Amino acid sequence: MMNNAYLVNNARAWVKRKNGPDEVVRIVIDLEFKDATLCYQLFTAYDIHPDYLGRILFDRQGYWIYDGEILTIEEQEQLAKFIINYVEAV
């Protein structure tokens, strides 16, 4: 079972891109998805009509997988680390 603290609310993360401008990504927890322990939907953060960037799913052991085609491996890793290490401000 997962014992790490993971993102529990919506958040925004800065993604450094190699081939293009850096971008802020909105991360939204998906409570409806039942095939993973945790699922996060990814969108562009500040667009009127945000682009869907895919989703990141976590299993009980804390392993993650990206389900999408837009983000590079480095971008996926940045977002997964952000989600895993996110600490809510109190």
C-alpha atoms as a PDB file:
ATOM      1  CA  MET A   1       0.000   0.000   0.000  1.00  0.00           C
ATOM      2  CA  MET A   2       1.201   3.526  -0.707  1.00  0.00           C
ATOM      3  CA  ASN A   3       2.639   5.343   2.269  1.00  0.00           C
ATOM      4  CA  ASN A   4       3.867   8.492   0.530  1.00  0.00           C
ATOM      5  CA  ALA A   5       2.013  11.782   0.679  1.00  0.00           C
ATOM      6  CA  TYR A   6       0.525  12.498  -2.720  1.00  0.00           C
ATOM      7  CA  LEU A   7      -1.314  15.450  -4.135  1.00  0.00           C
ATOM      8  CA  VAL A   8      -4.914  15.397  -2.863  1.00  0.00           C
ATOM      9  CA  ASN A   9      -6.238  18.653  -4.338  1.00  0.00           C
ATOM     10  CA  ASN A  10      -5.917  20.343  -7.707  1.00  0.00           C
ATOM     11  CA  ALA A  11      -2.565  22.044  -8.272  1.00  0.00           C
ATOM     12  CA  ARG A  12      -0.405  23.695 -10.900  1.00  0.00           C
ATOM     13  CA  ALA A  13       3.114  22.574 -11.782  1.00  0.00           C
ATOM     14  CA  TRP A  14       5.794  24.245 -13.872  1.00  0.00           C
ATOM     15  CA  VAL A  15       7.110  21.934 -16.610  1.00  0.00           C
ATOM     16  CA  LYS A  16      10.463  22.686 -18.188  1.00  0.00           C
ATOM     17  CA  ARG A  17      10.401  21.724 -21.847  1.00  0.00           C
ATOM     18  CA  LYS A  18      13.412  20.892 -23.976  1.00  0.00           C
ATOM     19  CA  ASN A  19      11.805  21.608 -27.356  1.00  0.00           C
ATOM     20  CA  GLY A  20       9.533  24.562 -26.742  1.00  0.00           C
ATOM     21  CA  PRO A  21       8.460  27.078 -24.160  1.00  0.00           C
ATOM     22  CA  ASP A  22       8.078  25.966 -20.560  1.00  0.00           C
ATOM     23  CA  GLU A  23       4.491  25.528 -19.455  1.00  0.00           C
ATOM     24  CA  VAL A  24       2.300  25.473 -16.381  1.00  0.00           C
ATOM     25  CA  VAL A  25       0.202  22.305 -16.159  1.00  0.00           C
ATOM     26  CA  ARG A  26      -2.995  22.007 -14.136  1.00  0.00           C
ATOM     27  CA  ILE A  27      -3.175  18.690 -12.275  1.00  0.00           C
ATOM     28  CA  VAL A  28      -6.642  17.483 -11.331  1.00  0.00           C
ATOM     29  CA  ILE A  29      -7.229  14.399  -9.211  1.00  0.00           C
ATOM     30  CA  ASP A  30      -9.672  12.017 -10.890  1.00  0.00           C
ATOM     31  CA  LEU A  31     -11.806  10.327  -8.235  1.00  0.00           C
ATOM     32  CA  GLU A  32     -13.964   8.538 -10.826  1.00  0.00           C
ATOM     33  CA  PHE A  33     -11.174   6.427 -12.385  1.00  0.00           C
ATOM     34  CA  LYS A  34     -11.180   2.996 -10.720  1.00  0.00           C
ATOM     35  CA  ASP A  35      -8.363   1.145 -12.553  1.00  0.00           C
ATOM     36  CA  ALA A  36      -5.563   2.724 -10.477  1.00  0.00           C
ATOM     37  CA  THR A  37      -5.038   3.680  -6.858  1.00  0.00           C
ATOM     38  CA  LEU A  38      -4.616   7.332  -7.884  1.00  0.00           C
ATOM     39  CA  CYS A  39      -5.263   9.047 -11.192  1.00  0.00           C
ATOM     40  CA  TYR A  40      -4.487  12.628 -12.175  1.00  0.00           C
ATOM     41  CA  GLN A  41      -5.776  14.395 -15.291  1.00  0.00           C
ATOM     42  CA  LEU A  42      -3.360  16.902 -16.873  1.00  0.00           C
ATOM     43  CA  PHE A  43      -4.395  20.115 -18.652  1.00  0.00           C
ATOM     44  CA  THR A  44      -2.814  23.357 -19.811  1.00  0.00           C
ATOM     45  CA  ALA A  45      -3.265  25.756 -16.915  1.00  0.00           C
ATOM     46  CA  TYR A  46      -4.185  29.182 -18.212  1.00  0.00           C
ATOM     47  CA  ASP A  47      -6.049  28.640 -21.488  1.00  0.00           C
ATOM     48  CA  ILE A  48      -9.720  29.555 -21.784  1.00  0.00           C
ATOM     49  CA  HIS A  49     -10.256  26.136 -23.364  1.00  0.00           C
ATOM     50  CA  PRO A  50      -7.492  24.025 -21.772  1.00  0.00           C
ATOM     51  CA  ASP A  51      -5.793  21.303 -23.789  1.00  0.00           C
ATOM     52  CA  TYR A  52      -5.892  17.798 -22.357  1.00  0.00           C
ATOM     53  CA  LEU A  53      -2.339  16.498 -21.922  1.00  0.00           C
ATOM     54  CA  GLY A  54      -3.111  12.980 -20.704  1.00  0.00           C
ATOM     55  CA  ARG A  55      -3.113  11.474 -17.246  1.00  0.00           C
ATOM     56  CA  ILE A  56      -0.751   9.921 -14.737  1.00  0.00           C
ATOM     57  CA  LEU A  57      -1.849   6.800 -12.868  1.00  0.00           C
ATOM     58  CA  PHE A  58      -0.294   5.400  -9.685  1.00  0.00           C
ATOM     59  CA  ASP A  59      -0.614   1.840  -8.384  1.00  0.00           C
ATOM     60  CA  ARG A  60      -0.500   0.658  -4.756  1.00  0.00           C
ATOM     61  CA  GLN A  61       3.291   0.309  -4.812  1.00  0.00           C
ATOM     62  CA  GLY A  62       3.727   3.914  -5.933  1.00  0.00           C
ATOM     63  CA  TYR A  63       4.714   3.096  -9.508  1.00  0.00           C
ATOM     64  CA  TRP A  64       3.277   5.431 -12.101  1.00  0.00           C
ATOM     65  CA  ILE A  65       2.480   5.351 -15.791  1.00  0.00           C
ATOM     66  CA  TYR A  66       1.605   8.136 -18.181  1.00  0.00           C
ATOM     67  CA  ASP A  67      -1.452   7.607 -20.352  1.00  0.00           C
ATOM     68  CA  GLY A  68      -1.172  10.080 -23.209  1.00  0.00           C
ATOM     69  CA  GLU A  69       0.870  11.057 -26.233  1.00  0.00           C
ATOM     70  CA  ILE A  70       1.832  14.702 -25.741  1.00  0.00           C
ATOM     71  CA  LEU A  71       4.382  14.809 -22.916  1.00  0.00           C
ATOM     72  CA  THR A  72       7.975  13.626 -23.277  1.00  0.00           C
ATOM     73  CA  ILE A  73       9.458  11.193 -20.778  1.00  0.00           C
ATOM     74  CA  GLU A  74      11.280  14.055 -19.029  1.00  0.00           C
ATOM     75  CA  GLU A  75       8.041  16.061 -18.735  1.00  0.00           C
ATOM     76  CA  GLN A  76       6.198  13.015 -17.411  1.00  0.00           C
ATOM     77  CA  GLU A  77       8.900  12.489 -14.785  1.00  0.00           C
ATOM     78  CA  GLN A  78       8.730  16.140 -13.701  1.00  0.00           C
ATOM     79  CA  LEU A  79       4.971  15.907 -13.152  1.00  0.00           C
ATOM     80  CA  ALA A  80       5.128  12.524 -11.396  1.00  0.00           C
ATOM     81  CA  LYS A  81       7.808  13.849  -8.999  1.00  0.00           C
ATOM     82  CA  PHE A  82       5.720  16.963  -8.360  1.00  0.00           C
ATOM     83  CA  ILE A  83       2.670  14.846  -7.490  1.00  0.00           C
ATOM     84  CA  ILE A  84       4.650  12.482  -5.249  1.00  0.00           C
ATOM     85  CA  ASN A  85       6.469  15.258  -3.381  1.00  0.00           C
ATOM     86  CA  TYR A  86       3.643  17.789  -3.183  1.00  0.00           C
ATOM     87  CA  VAL A  87       3.028  19.215   0.278  1.00  0.00           C
ATOM     88  CA  GLU A  88      -0.137  21.193   0.942  1.00  0.00           C
ATOM     89  CA  ALA A  89       0.373  24.612   2.519  1.00  0.00           C
ATOM     90  CA  VAL A  90      -1.305  24.811   5.915  1.00  0.00           C
END
